[in-house]
């Protein structure tokens, strides 16, 4: 998706686009496999800023950020005591970030949310300090025409749309059957001879064809197995701590970072989708490559992360979009969809 390199307001005016209002400024670039939390945080911030700008009876408090230390890691490791403090805080319903809520409530293992219903659950925040302020639902979109129609209808009432799709290295929609599944937030649409979308992800505003989004979303049918290590990447006084694949580690090293990786690996068992049910019967083949995955499959731990072995629709992402809104606006938004 081409990046919008001029002020987004100028781009919108030049295209005569219909958009949400106000448009929150671009935030920090996504760190780690946390795109769902970043998309959700942007939408929740939008509704809060709309309340501040226009008033209304939404009853929203300032929303949590996507993750603790959102833009960059702290200069020194947080340590066991900081971890214990976060755990204790969560037990009394006080969370540091959306990712903190997701991890404590078993909606994510290490930061990804590749289950559409789980994204709604994080927004609803049952038991959290923001619980009850937001609501949302998952909408089925059967075919490109329905996708375009529904997205335009939602943008027409200034409700942003969170869309799962396969993303290329350059940010364009692509077809990889879910191997590169990612979340973006559509904030506007316009007609440029065809229906176009203005959207936000990776800390940038971009534009692309709505039909490209629809086609990428419609082919989400499976994921690849990935192996992660918990790492600390340091360059000067800049520190990044996150779960990284071997490929990500290599990219940081090529960029001049010194990367320290903890022993052991975790797999993407929380959202992986086998290509067929037969794959679930071949646990022996997984043990040497992904022991934690085979353990999760064998003991049915996947259910805690929204996995349905009989649903090969990529954890409910295929032909699905997500809308999040203030609970006070629930009936109005649902009347549109």
C-alpha atoms as a PDB file:
ATOM      1  CA  UNK A   1       0.000   0.000   0.000  1.00  0.00           C
ATOM      2  CA  UNK A   2       1.570   3.299  -0.992  1.00  0.00           C
ATOM      3  CA  UNK A   3       2.427   5.402   2.023  1.00  0.00           C
ATOM      4  CA  UNK A   4       0.806   8.829   2.296  1.00  0.00           C
ATOM      5  CA  UNK A   5       3.834  11.114   2.403  1.00  0.00           C
ATOM      6  CA  UNK A   6       2.003  14.438   2.699  1.00  0.00           C
ATOM      7  CA  UNK A   7      -0.057  15.485   5.745  1.00  0.00           C
ATOM      8  CA  UNK A   8      -2.980  13.082   5.873  1.00  0.00           C
ATOM      9  CA  UNK A   9      -5.465  15.972   6.073  1.00  0.00           C
ATOM     10  CA  UNK A  10      -4.182  17.343   2.776  1.00  0.00           C
ATOM     11  CA  UNK A  11      -4.433  13.937   1.137  1.00  0.00           C
ATOM     12  CA  UNK A  12      -8.022  13.539   2.350  1.00  0.00           C
ATOM     13  CA  UNK A  13      -8.974  16.966   1.019  1.00  0.00           C
ATOM     14  CA  UNK A  14      -7.360  16.282  -2.367  1.00  0.00           C
ATOM     15  CA  UNK A  15      -9.370  13.068  -2.747  1.00  0.00           C
ATOM     16  CA  UNK A  16     -12.643  14.325  -1.305  1.00  0.00           C
ATOM     17  CA  UNK A  17     -12.532  11.326   1.018  1.00  0.00           C
ATOM     18  CA  UNK A  18     -15.091  10.289   3.616  1.00  0.00           C
ATOM     19  CA  UNK A  19     -13.209   9.624   6.870  1.00  0.00           C
ATOM     20  CA  UNK A  20     -13.495   9.288  10.598  1.00  0.00           C
ATOM     21  CA  UNK A  21     -13.104  12.552  12.517  1.00  0.00           C
ATOM     22  CA  UNK A  22     -10.955  13.571  14.209  1.00  0.00           C
ATOM     23  CA  UNK A  23      -8.095  11.433  12.895  1.00  0.00           C
ATOM     24  CA  UNK A  24      -5.654  10.536  15.676  1.00  0.00           C
ATOM     25  CA  UNK A  25      -2.033  11.276  14.860  1.00  0.00           C
ATOM     26  CA  UNK A  26       0.171   8.388  13.809  1.00  0.00           C
ATOM     27  CA  UNK A  27       1.605   6.637  16.831  1.00  0.00           C
ATOM     28  CA  UNK A  28       4.719   4.534  17.336  1.00  0.00           C
ATOM     29  CA  UNK A  29       5.556   1.835  14.826  1.00  0.00           C
ATOM     30  CA  UNK A  30       4.443  -1.645  15.807  1.00  0.00           C
ATOM     31  CA  UNK A  31       6.964  -3.664  17.823  1.00  0.00           C
ATOM     32  CA  UNK A  32       6.892  -7.428  17.671  1.00  0.00           C
ATOM     33  CA  UNK A  33       3.893  -9.599  16.713  1.00  0.00           C
ATOM     34  CA  UNK A  34       1.424  -7.163  18.271  1.00  0.00           C
ATOM     35  CA  UNK A  35      -0.431  -5.751  15.253  1.00  0.00           C
ATOM     36  CA  UNK A  36      -3.879  -6.582  16.651  1.00  0.00           C
ATOM     37  CA  UNK A  37      -3.228  -4.627  19.822  1.00  0.00           C
ATOM     38  CA  UNK A  38      -1.885  -1.654  17.849  1.00  0.00           C
ATOM     39  CA  UNK A  39      -4.927  -1.583  15.549  1.00  0.00           C
ATOM     40  CA  UNK A  40      -7.271  -1.855  18.519  1.00  0.00           C
ATOM     41  CA  UNK A  41      -5.434   0.839  20.498  1.00  0.00           C
ATOM     42  CA  UNK A  42      -5.722   3.225  17.544  1.00  0.00           C
ATOM     43  CA  UNK A  43      -9.491   2.677  17.280  1.00  0.00           C
ATOM     44  CA  UNK A  44     -10.051   3.104  21.018  1.00  0.00           C
ATOM     45  CA  UNK A  45      -7.961   6.297  20.975  1.00  0.00           C
ATOM     46  CA  UNK A  46     -10.067   7.596  18.073  1.00  0.00           C
ATOM     47  CA  UNK A  47     -13.317   7.219  19.990  1.00  0.00           C
ATOM     48  CA  UNK A  48     -11.795   8.859  23.068  1.00  0.00           C
ATOM     49  CA  UNK A  49     -10.514  11.821  21.016  1.00  0.00           C
ATOM     50  CA  UNK A  50     -13.889  12.099  19.287  1.00  0.00           C
ATOM     51  CA  UNK A  51     -15.537  12.351  22.696  1.00  0.00           C
ATOM     52  CA  UNK A  52     -13.030  15.025  23.754  1.00  0.00           C
ATOM     53  CA  UNK A  53     -13.469  16.972  20.505  1.00  0.00           C
ATOM     54  CA  UNK A  54     -17.224  16.760  19.968  1.00  0.00           C
ATOM     55  CA  UNK A  55     -18.546  15.843  23.396  1.00  0.00           C
ATOM     56  CA  UNK A  56     -21.205  13.181  23.837  1.00  0.00           C
ATOM     57  CA  UNK A  57     -22.208  10.621  26.408  1.00  0.00           C
ATOM     58  CA  UNK A  58     -19.694   7.895  25.576  1.00  0.00           C
ATOM     59  CA  UNK A  59     -18.262   7.838  29.117  1.00  0.00           C
ATOM     60  CA  UNK A  60     -14.771   6.892  27.936  1.00  0.00           C
ATOM     61  CA  UNK A  61     -11.611   7.202  29.996  1.00  0.00           C
ATOM     62  CA  UNK A  62      -8.260   7.623  28.264  1.00  0.00           C
ATOM     63  CA  UNK A  63      -7.598   4.197  26.737  1.00  0.00           C
ATOM     64  CA  UNK A  64      -4.607   1.992  27.403  1.00  0.00           C
ATOM     65  CA  UNK A  65      -1.740   1.834  24.951  1.00  0.00           C
ATOM     66  CA  UNK A  66      -1.156  -1.223  22.794  1.00  0.00           C
ATOM     67  CA  UNK A  67       1.632  -2.502  24.991  1.00  0.00           C
ATOM     68  CA  UNK A  68       3.678  -1.474  27.997  1.00  0.00           C
ATOM     69  CA  UNK A  69       6.607   0.725  26.942  1.00  0.00           C
ATOM     70  CA  UNK A  70       4.815   1.248  23.641  1.00  0.00           C
ATOM     71  CA  UNK A  71       7.451   3.084  21.629  1.00  0.00           C
ATOM     72  CA  UNK A  72      10.590   1.454  22.986  1.00  0.00           C
ATOM     73  CA  UNK A  73      11.786  -0.783  25.769  1.00  0.00           C
ATOM     74  CA  UNK A  74      13.041   0.505  29.102  1.00  0.00           C
ATOM     75  CA  UNK A  75      16.833   1.033  29.428  1.00  0.00           C
ATOM     76  CA  UNK A  76      17.250  -1.935  31.768  1.00  0.00           C
ATOM     77  CA  UNK A  77      15.458  -5.281  32.098  1.00  0.00           C
ATOM     78  CA  UNK A  78      12.261  -5.074  34.095  1.00  0.00           C
ATOM     79  CA  UNK A  79      13.189  -8.100  36.167  1.00  0.00           C
ATOM     80  CA  UNK A  80      11.201 -10.560  38.220  1.00  0.00           C
ATOM     81  CA  UNK A  81       9.907  -7.933  40.649  1.00  0.00           C
ATOM     82  CA  UNK A  82       8.416  -5.768  37.903  1.00  0.00           C
ATOM     83  CA  UNK A  83       6.832  -8.880  36.392  1.00  0.00           C
ATOM     84  CA  UNK A  84       5.347  -9.833  39.739  1.00  0.00           C
ATOM     85  CA  UNK A  85       4.009  -6.291  40.143  1.00  0.00           C
ATOM     86  CA  UNK A  86       2.221  -6.510  36.773  1.00  0.00           C
ATOM     87  CA  UNK A  87       0.754  -9.885  37.686  1.00  0.00           C
ATOM     88  CA  UNK A  88      -0.501  -8.606  41.044  1.00  0.00           C
ATOM     89  CA  UNK A  89      -1.961  -5.501  39.429  1.00  0.00           C
ATOM     90  CA  UNK A  90      -3.874  -7.642  36.928  1.00  0.00           C
ATOM     91  CA  UNK A  91      -5.457  -9.726  39.686  1.00  0.00           C
ATOM     92  CA  UNK A  92      -7.220  -6.597  40.962  1.00  0.00           C
ATOM     93  CA  UNK A  93      -8.299  -5.495  37.485  1.00  0.00           C
ATOM     94  CA  UNK A  94      -5.673  -2.840  36.822  1.00  0.00           C
ATOM     95  CA  UNK A  95      -3.811  -3.392  33.560  1.00  0.00           C
ATOM     96  CA  UNK A  96      -0.794  -1.586  32.138  1.00  0.00           C
ATOM     97  CA  UNK A  97      -1.711  -2.072  28.449  1.00  0.00           C
ATOM     98  CA  UNK A  98      -4.061  -3.908  26.114  1.00  0.00           C
ATOM     99  CA  UNK A  99      -1.374  -6.550  25.605  1.00  0.00           C
ATOM    100  CA  UNK A 100      -1.112  -6.980  29.380  1.00  0.00           C
ATOM    101  CA  UNK A 101      -4.872  -7.626  29.502  1.00  0.00           C
ATOM    102  CA  UNK A 102      -4.668 -10.112  26.640  1.00  0.00           C
ATOM    103  CA  UNK A 103      -1.816 -12.086  28.174  1.00  0.00           C
ATOM    104  CA  UNK A 104      -3.327 -12.235  31.660  1.00  0.00           C
ATOM    105  CA  UNK A 105      -6.682 -13.405  30.289  1.00  0.00           C
ATOM    106  CA  UNK A 106      -5.166 -16.058  27.970  1.00  0.00           C
ATOM    107  CA  UNK A 107      -6.221 -14.233  24.802  1.00  0.00           C
ATOM    108  CA  UNK A 108      -2.610 -14.184  23.633  1.00  0.00           C
ATOM    109  CA  UNK A 109       0.539 -16.036  24.635  1.00  0.00           C
ATOM    110  CA  UNK A 110       3.159 -13.506  23.538  1.00  0.00           C
ATOM    111  CA  UNK A 111       1.425 -10.592  21.850  1.00  0.00           C
ATOM    112  CA  UNK A 112      -0.415 -11.681  18.708  1.00  0.00           C
ATOM    113  CA  UNK A 113      -4.210 -11.723  18.491  1.00  0.00           C
ATOM    114  CA  UNK A 114      -5.128 -13.803  15.461  1.00  0.00           C
ATOM    115  CA  UNK A 115      -8.666 -14.487  16.534  1.00  0.00           C
ATOM    116  CA  UNK A 116     -11.298 -11.909  15.609  1.00  0.00           C
ATOM    117  CA  UNK A 117     -13.540 -12.662  18.589  1.00  0.00           C
ATOM    118  CA  UNK A 118     -10.593 -12.353  20.969  1.00  0.00           C
ATOM    119  CA  UNK A 119      -9.899  -8.862  19.645  1.00  0.00           C
ATOM    120  CA  UNK A 120     -13.451  -7.919  20.638  1.00  0.00           C
ATOM    121  CA  UNK A 121     -12.907  -9.449  24.091  1.00  0.00           C
ATOM    122  CA  UNK A 122      -9.829  -7.285  24.659  1.00  0.00           C
ATOM    123  CA  UNK A 123     -11.852  -4.192  23.683  1.00  0.00           C
ATOM    124  CA  UNK A 124     -14.668  -5.126  26.050  1.00  0.00           C
ATOM    125  CA  UNK A 125     -12.131  -5.514  28.862  1.00  0.00           C
ATOM    126  CA  UNK A 126     -14.273  -7.601  31.185  1.00  0.00           C
ATOM    127  CA  UNK A 127     -12.800  -7.205  34.674  1.00  0.00           C
ATOM    128  CA  UNK A 128     -10.421  -4.388  33.659  1.00  0.00           C
ATOM    129  CA  UNK A 129     -10.414  -0.769  34.770  1.00  0.00           C
ATOM    130  CA  UNK A 130     -11.881   0.171  31.367  1.00  0.00           C
ATOM    131  CA  UNK A 131     -14.369  -2.700  31.313  1.00  0.00           C
ATOM    132  CA  UNK A 132     -17.814  -1.802  29.985  1.00  0.00           C
ATOM    133  CA  UNK A 133     -16.718   1.324  28.107  1.00  0.00           C
ATOM    134  CA  UNK A 134     -16.275  -0.354  24.709  1.00  0.00           C
ATOM    135  CA  UNK A 135     -18.089  -3.024  22.762  1.00  0.00           C
ATOM    136  CA  UNK A 136     -17.660  -4.541  19.320  1.00  0.00           C
ATOM    137  CA  UNK A 137     -18.558  -7.378  17.026  1.00  0.00           C
ATOM    138  CA  UNK A 138     -17.250  -9.444  14.131  1.00  0.00           C
ATOM    139  CA  UNK A 139     -18.954  -8.999  10.758  1.00  0.00           C
ATOM    140  CA  UNK A 140     -19.023 -11.660   8.050  1.00  0.00           C
ATOM    141  CA  UNK A 141     -18.295 -10.392   4.548  1.00  0.00           C
ATOM    142  CA  UNK A 142     -19.201 -12.885   1.842  1.00  0.00           C
ATOM    143  CA  UNK A 143     -17.473 -11.667  -1.320  1.00  0.00           C
ATOM    144  CA  UNK A 144     -15.688  -8.494  -2.406  1.00  0.00           C
ATOM    145  CA  UNK A 145     -18.904  -6.569  -3.120  1.00  0.00           C
ATOM    146  CA  UNK A 146     -20.201  -7.162   0.407  1.00  0.00           C
ATOM    147  CA  UNK A 147     -16.815  -6.252   1.881  1.00  0.00           C
ATOM    148  CA  UNK A 148     -16.722  -2.929   0.023  1.00  0.00           C
ATOM    149  CA  UNK A 149     -20.352  -2.123   0.796  1.00  0.00           C
ATOM    150  CA  UNK A 150     -20.035  -2.811   4.525  1.00  0.00           C
ATOM    151  CA  UNK A 151     -16.756  -0.953   4.947  1.00  0.00           C
ATOM    152  CA  UNK A 152     -18.120   2.115   3.134  1.00  0.00           C
ATOM    153  CA  UNK A 153     -21.290   2.045   5.252  1.00  0.00           C
ATOM    154  CA  UNK A 154     -19.275   1.989   8.470  1.00  0.00           C
ATOM    155  CA  UNK A 155     -16.936   4.767   7.362  1.00  0.00           C
ATOM    156  CA  UNK A 156     -20.095   6.675   6.391  1.00  0.00           C
ATOM    157  CA  UNK A 157     -21.046   6.837  10.086  1.00  0.00           C
ATOM    158  CA  UNK A 158     -17.401   7.566  11.004  1.00  0.00           C
ATOM    159  CA  UNK A 159     -16.782   4.142  12.515  1.00  0.00           C
ATOM    160  CA  UNK A 160     -13.294   2.759  11.751  1.00  0.00           C
ATOM    161  CA  UNK A 161     -12.907  -0.823  10.550  1.00  0.00           C
ATOM    162  CA  UNK A 162     -10.210  -3.296  11.638  1.00  0.00           C
ATOM    163  CA  UNK A 163      -9.331  -5.676   8.803  1.00  0.00           C
ATOM    164  CA  UNK A 164      -7.191  -8.840   8.793  1.00  0.00           C
ATOM    165  CA  UNK A 165      -5.257  -9.514   5.579  1.00  0.00           C
ATOM    166  CA  UNK A 166      -1.953 -10.877   4.281  1.00  0.00           C
ATOM    167  CA  UNK A 167       0.674  -8.142   4.203  1.00  0.00           C
ATOM    168  CA  UNK A 168       3.797  -7.956   2.034  1.00  0.00           C
ATOM    169  CA  UNK A 169       7.147  -6.546   3.166  1.00  0.00           C
ATOM    170  CA  UNK A 170       6.183  -3.271   1.523  1.00  0.00           C
ATOM    171  CA  UNK A 171       2.784  -3.155   3.242  1.00  0.00           C
ATOM    172  CA  UNK A 172       0.664  -4.203   0.255  1.00  0.00           C
ATOM    173  CA  UNK A 173      -2.170  -6.756   0.412  1.00  0.00           C
ATOM    174  CA  UNK A 174      -1.070 -10.123  -0.912  1.00  0.00           C
ATOM    175  CA  UNK A 175      -2.241 -13.727  -1.120  1.00  0.00           C
ATOM    176  CA  UNK A 176      -0.325 -16.073   1.201  1.00  0.00           C
ATOM    177  CA  UNK A 177      -3.296 -18.027   2.638  1.00  0.00           C
ATOM    178  CA  UNK A 178      -2.698 -16.413   6.030  1.00  0.00           C
ATOM    179  CA  UNK A 179       1.056 -16.963   6.366  1.00  0.00           C
ATOM    180  CA  UNK A 180       1.502 -13.176   6.530  1.00  0.00           C
ATOM    181  CA  UNK A 181      -1.754 -12.367   8.323  1.00  0.00           C
ATOM    182  CA  UNK A 182      -1.806  -8.852   9.770  1.00  0.00           C
ATOM    183  CA  UNK A 183      -4.275  -6.218  11.051  1.00  0.00           C
ATOM    184  CA  UNK A 184      -4.862  -2.710   9.672  1.00  0.00           C
ATOM    185  CA  UNK A 185      -7.405   0.000  10.509  1.00  0.00           C
ATOM    186  CA  UNK A 186      -9.417   1.540   7.681  1.00  0.00           C
ATOM    187  CA  UNK A 187     -10.151   5.182   8.520  1.00  0.00           C
ATOM    188  CA  UNK A 188     -11.544   6.472   5.219  1.00  0.00           C
ATOM    189  CA  UNK A 189     -12.702   5.727   1.685  1.00  0.00           C
ATOM    190  CA  UNK A 190     -12.819   7.650  -1.582  1.00  0.00           C
ATOM    191  CA  UNK A 191     -13.641   7.149  -5.250  1.00  0.00           C
ATOM    192  CA  UNK A 192     -10.688   7.413  -7.620  1.00  0.00           C
ATOM    193  CA  UNK A 193     -12.282   5.556 -10.502  1.00  0.00           C
ATOM    194  CA  UNK A 194     -12.543   2.635  -8.098  1.00  0.00           C
ATOM    195  CA  UNK A 195     -13.242   2.391  -4.379  1.00  0.00           C
ATOM    196  CA  UNK A 196     -10.089   3.171  -2.421  1.00  0.00           C
ATOM    197  CA  UNK A 197      -9.239   2.880   1.275  1.00  0.00           C
ATOM    198  CA  UNK A 198      -7.192   5.102   3.568  1.00  0.00           C
ATOM    199  CA  UNK A 199      -5.820   3.061   6.400  1.00  0.00           C
ATOM    200  CA  UNK A 200      -3.300   2.958   9.201  1.00  0.00           C
ATOM    201  CA  UNK A 201      -0.724   0.377  10.294  1.00  0.00           C
ATOM    202  CA  UNK A 202       3.006   0.144  11.117  1.00  0.00           C
ATOM    203  CA  UNK A 203       2.793   3.747  12.385  1.00  0.00           C
ATOM    204  CA  UNK A 204       1.930   5.138   8.913  1.00  0.00           C
ATOM    205  CA  UNK A 205      -1.105   6.240   6.914  1.00  0.00           C
ATOM    206  CA  UNK A 206      -1.503   4.431   3.582  1.00  0.00           C
ATOM    207  CA  UNK A 207      -3.953   3.967   0.723  1.00  0.00           C
ATOM    208  CA  UNK A 208      -4.955   1.075  -1.487  1.00  0.00           C
ATOM    209  CA  UNK A 209      -7.858  -0.457  -3.380  1.00  0.00           C
ATOM    210  CA  UNK A 210     -10.698  -1.687  -1.203  1.00  0.00           C
ATOM    211  CA  UNK A 211     -11.040  -4.692  -3.494  1.00  0.00           C
ATOM    212  CA  UNK A 212      -7.379  -5.610  -2.834  1.00  0.00           C
ATOM    213  CA  UNK A 213      -8.185  -5.663   0.880  1.00  0.00           C
ATOM    214  CA  UNK A 214     -11.282  -7.752   0.199  1.00  0.00           C
ATOM    215  CA  UNK A 215      -9.418 -10.301  -1.918  1.00  0.00           C
ATOM    216  CA  UNK A 216      -6.610 -10.666   0.615  1.00  0.00           C
ATOM    217  CA  UNK A 217      -9.088 -11.039   3.470  1.00  0.00           C
ATOM    218  CA  UNK A 218     -11.114 -13.652   1.575  1.00  0.00           C
ATOM    219  CA  UNK A 219      -8.166 -16.033   1.096  1.00  0.00           C
ATOM    220  CA  UNK A 220      -7.064 -16.260   4.744  1.00  0.00           C
ATOM    221  CA  UNK A 221      -7.221 -20.009   5.264  1.00  0.00           C
ATOM    222  CA  UNK A 222      -4.106 -21.113   7.148  1.00  0.00           C
ATOM    223  CA  UNK A 223      -0.941 -20.126   8.958  1.00  0.00           C
ATOM    224  CA  UNK A 224       2.624 -21.359   8.869  1.00  0.00           C
ATOM    225  CA  UNK A 225       4.385 -22.694  11.957  1.00  0.00           C
ATOM    226  CA  UNK A 226       6.742 -20.068  13.404  1.00  0.00           C
ATOM    227  CA  UNK A 227       9.326 -20.368  16.137  1.00  0.00           C
ATOM    228  CA  UNK A 228      10.118 -17.368  18.372  1.00  0.00           C
ATOM    229  CA  UNK A 229      12.834 -16.512  20.879  1.00  0.00           C
ATOM    230  CA  UNK A 230      12.560 -13.806  23.512  1.00  0.00           C
ATOM    231  CA  UNK A 231      15.234 -11.272  22.613  1.00  0.00           C
ATOM    232  CA  UNK A 232      16.850  -7.999  23.562  1.00  0.00           C
ATOM    233  CA  UNK A 233      18.225  -5.935  20.667  1.00  0.00           C
ATOM    234  CA  UNK A 234      20.535  -3.041  21.575  1.00  0.00           C
ATOM    235  CA  UNK A 235      22.055  -0.299  19.446  1.00  0.00           C
ATOM    236  CA  UNK A 236      23.524   2.579  21.422  1.00  0.00           C
ATOM    237  CA  UNK A 237      20.906   3.621  23.966  1.00  0.00           C
ATOM    238  CA  UNK A 238      18.038   2.176  21.904  1.00  0.00           C
ATOM    239  CA  UNK A 239      16.647  -1.081  23.289  1.00  0.00           C
ATOM    240  CA  UNK A 240      13.979  -3.389  21.859  1.00  0.00           C
ATOM    241  CA  UNK A 241      12.681  -6.394  23.785  1.00  0.00           C
ATOM    242  CA  UNK A 242      10.264  -8.783  22.121  1.00  0.00           C
ATOM    243  CA  UNK A 243       9.640 -12.248  20.734  1.00  0.00           C
ATOM    244  CA  UNK A 244      11.504 -12.584  17.435  1.00  0.00           C
ATOM    245  CA  UNK A 245      11.834 -15.161  14.699  1.00  0.00           C
ATOM    246  CA  UNK A 246      15.292 -16.055  13.392  1.00  0.00           C
ATOM    247  CA  UNK A 247      14.562 -13.863  10.377  1.00  0.00           C
ATOM    248  CA  UNK A 248      13.741 -10.877  12.573  1.00  0.00           C
ATOM    249  CA  UNK A 249      16.891 -11.407  14.628  1.00  0.00           C
ATOM    250  CA  UNK A 250      18.946 -11.375  11.430  1.00  0.00           C
ATOM    251  CA  UNK A 251      17.348  -8.111  10.288  1.00  0.00           C
ATOM    252  CA  UNK A 252      18.176  -6.420  13.604  1.00  0.00           C
ATOM    253  CA  UNK A 253      21.751  -7.680  13.387  1.00  0.00           C
ATOM    254  CA  UNK A 254      22.073  -6.384   9.825  1.00  0.00           C
ATOM    255  CA  UNK A 255      20.829  -3.000  11.087  1.00  0.00           C
ATOM    256  CA  UNK A 256      23.699  -2.848  13.598  1.00  0.00           C
ATOM    257  CA  UNK A 257      21.924  -4.133  16.713  1.00  0.00           C
ATOM    258  CA  UNK A 258      23.517  -6.505  19.169  1.00  0.00           C
ATOM    259  CA  UNK A 259      20.907  -9.182  19.834  1.00  0.00           C
ATOM    260  CA  UNK A 260      20.824 -11.321  22.961  1.00  0.00           C
ATOM    261  CA  UNK A 261      18.349 -14.226  22.864  1.00  0.00           C
ATOM    262  CA  UNK A 262      17.090 -16.141  25.864  1.00  0.00           C
ATOM    263  CA  UNK A 263      17.366 -19.942  25.795  1.00  0.00           C
ATOM    264  CA  UNK A 264      14.348 -21.858  24.559  1.00  0.00           C
ATOM    265  CA  UNK A 265      11.724 -21.189  21.945  1.00  0.00           C
ATOM    266  CA  UNK A 266       7.963 -20.773  21.717  1.00  0.00           C
ATOM    267  CA  UNK A 267       5.791 -21.475  18.692  1.00  0.00           C
ATOM    268  CA  UNK A 268       2.778 -19.704  17.294  1.00  0.00           C
ATOM    269  CA  UNK A 269       0.422 -22.299  18.717  1.00  0.00           C
ATOM    270  CA  UNK A 270      -2.054 -19.611  19.692  1.00  0.00           C
ATOM    271  CA  UNK A 271      -3.114 -18.890  16.137  1.00  0.00           C
ATOM    272  CA  UNK A 272      -1.613 -21.487  13.810  1.00  0.00           C
ATOM    273  CA  UNK A 273      -4.037 -23.315  11.576  1.00  0.00           C
ATOM    274  CA  UNK A 274      -3.033 -26.643  10.051  1.00  0.00           C
ATOM    275  CA  UNK A 275      -3.753 -27.123   6.362  1.00  0.00           C
ATOM    276  CA  UNK A 276      -5.953 -30.121   7.122  1.00  0.00           C
ATOM    277  CA  UNK A 277      -7.362 -31.999  10.074  1.00  0.00           C
ATOM    278  CA  UNK A 278      -4.944 -34.810   9.179  1.00  0.00           C
ATOM    279  CA  UNK A 279      -2.086 -32.576  10.286  1.00  0.00           C
ATOM    280  CA  UNK A 280      -3.482 -32.717  13.803  1.00  0.00           C
ATOM    281  CA  UNK A 281      -2.981 -36.499  13.796  1.00  0.00           C
ATOM    282  CA  UNK A 282       0.710 -36.206  12.977  1.00  0.00           C
ATOM    283  CA  UNK A 283       1.990 -34.936  16.297  1.00  0.00           C
ATOM    284  CA  UNK A 284       5.077 -37.143  16.147  1.00  0.00           C
ATOM    285  CA  UNK A 285       6.317 -35.160  13.165  1.00  0.00           C
ATOM    286  CA  UNK A 286       6.097 -31.958  15.177  1.00  0.00           C
ATOM    287  CA  UNK A 287       7.976 -33.044  18.264  1.00  0.00           C
ATOM    288  CA  UNK A 288      11.456 -32.494  16.889  1.00  0.00           C
ATOM    289  CA  UNK A 289      10.580 -29.179  15.240  1.00  0.00           C
ATOM    290  CA  UNK A 290       8.045 -27.656  17.620  1.00  0.00           C
ATOM    291  CA  UNK A 291       7.737 -29.520  20.937  1.00  0.00           C
ATOM    292  CA  UNK A 292       5.610 -26.807  22.559  1.00  0.00           C
ATOM    293  CA  UNK A 293       3.203 -26.906  19.642  1.00  0.00           C
ATOM    294  CA  UNK A 294       2.827 -30.683  19.759  1.00  0.00           C
ATOM    295  CA  UNK A 295       2.279 -30.478  23.522  1.00  0.00           C
ATOM    296  CA  UNK A 296      -0.380 -27.812  23.033  1.00  0.00           C
ATOM    297  CA  UNK A 297      -2.158 -29.825  20.373  1.00  0.00           C
ATOM    298  CA  UNK A 298      -2.009 -33.041  22.386  1.00  0.00           C
ATOM    299  CA  UNK A 299      -3.309 -31.495  25.603  1.00  0.00           C
ATOM    300  CA  UNK A 300      -5.940 -29.288  23.968  1.00  0.00           C
ATOM    301  CA  UNK A 301      -4.349 -26.109  25.348  1.00  0.00           C
ATOM    302  CA  UNK A 302      -5.190 -24.399  22.084  1.00  0.00           C
ATOM    303  CA  UNK A 303      -8.789 -23.928  23.184  1.00  0.00           C
ATOM    304  CA  UNK A 304      -7.612 -21.361  25.717  1.00  0.00           C
ATOM    305  CA  UNK A 305      -6.392 -19.288  22.781  1.00  0.00           C
ATOM    306  CA  UNK A 306      -9.505 -19.484  20.633  1.00  0.00           C
ATOM    307  CA  UNK A 307      -8.293 -22.330  18.417  1.00  0.00           C
ATOM    308  CA  UNK A 308     -10.850 -24.606  16.796  1.00  0.00           C
ATOM    309  CA  UNK A 309      -9.176 -27.587  15.144  1.00  0.00           C
ATOM    310  CA  UNK A 310     -12.185 -28.163  12.906  1.00  0.00           C
ATOM    311  CA  UNK A 311     -12.319 -24.578  11.661  1.00  0.00           C
ATOM    312  CA  UNK A 312      -9.637 -24.018   9.063  1.00  0.00           C
ATOM    313  CA  UNK A 313     -10.749 -20.423   8.535  1.00  0.00           C
ATOM    314  CA  UNK A 314      -7.658 -19.040  10.258  1.00  0.00           C
ATOM    315  CA  UNK A 315      -9.181 -18.471  13.685  1.00  0.00           C
ATOM    316  CA  UNK A 316     -12.172 -16.648  12.255  1.00  0.00           C
ATOM    317  CA  UNK A 317     -10.229 -14.167  10.116  1.00  0.00           C
ATOM    318  CA  UNK A 318     -11.315 -15.282   6.647  1.00  0.00           C
ATOM    319  CA  UNK A 319     -14.206 -13.142   5.369  1.00  0.00           C
ATOM    320  CA  UNK A 320     -14.314 -11.274   8.681  1.00  0.00           C
ATOM    321  CA  UNK A 321     -13.841  -7.678   9.771  1.00  0.00           C
ATOM    322  CA  UNK A 322     -13.976  -6.234  13.281  1.00  0.00           C
ATOM    323  CA  UNK A 323     -15.717  -3.085  14.478  1.00  0.00           C
ATOM    324  CA  UNK A 324     -15.116  -1.584  17.913  1.00  0.00           C
ATOM    325  CA  UNK A 325     -17.144   1.307  19.326  1.00  0.00           C
ATOM    326  CA  UNK A 326     -18.291   2.859  22.619  1.00  0.00           C
ATOM    327  CA  UNK A 327     -20.884   0.713  24.342  1.00  0.00           C
ATOM    328  CA  UNK A 328     -23.177   3.738  24.273  1.00  0.00           C
ATOM    329  CA  UNK A 329     -23.109   3.659  20.450  1.00  0.00           C
ATOM    330  CA  UNK A 330     -23.723  -0.076  20.140  1.00  0.00           C
ATOM    331  CA  UNK A 331     -27.325  -0.003  18.881  1.00  0.00           C
ATOM    332  CA  UNK A 332     -26.592   2.685  16.301  1.00  0.00           C
ATOM    333  CA  UNK A 333     -23.527   0.939  14.833  1.00  0.00           C
ATOM    334  CA  UNK A 334     -25.264  -2.427  14.757  1.00  0.00           C
ATOM    335  CA  UNK A 335     -28.227  -0.905  12.929  1.00  0.00           C
ATOM    336  CA  UNK A 336     -25.878  -0.128  10.030  1.00  0.00           C
ATOM    337  CA  UNK A 337     -24.458  -3.657   9.748  1.00  0.00           C
END
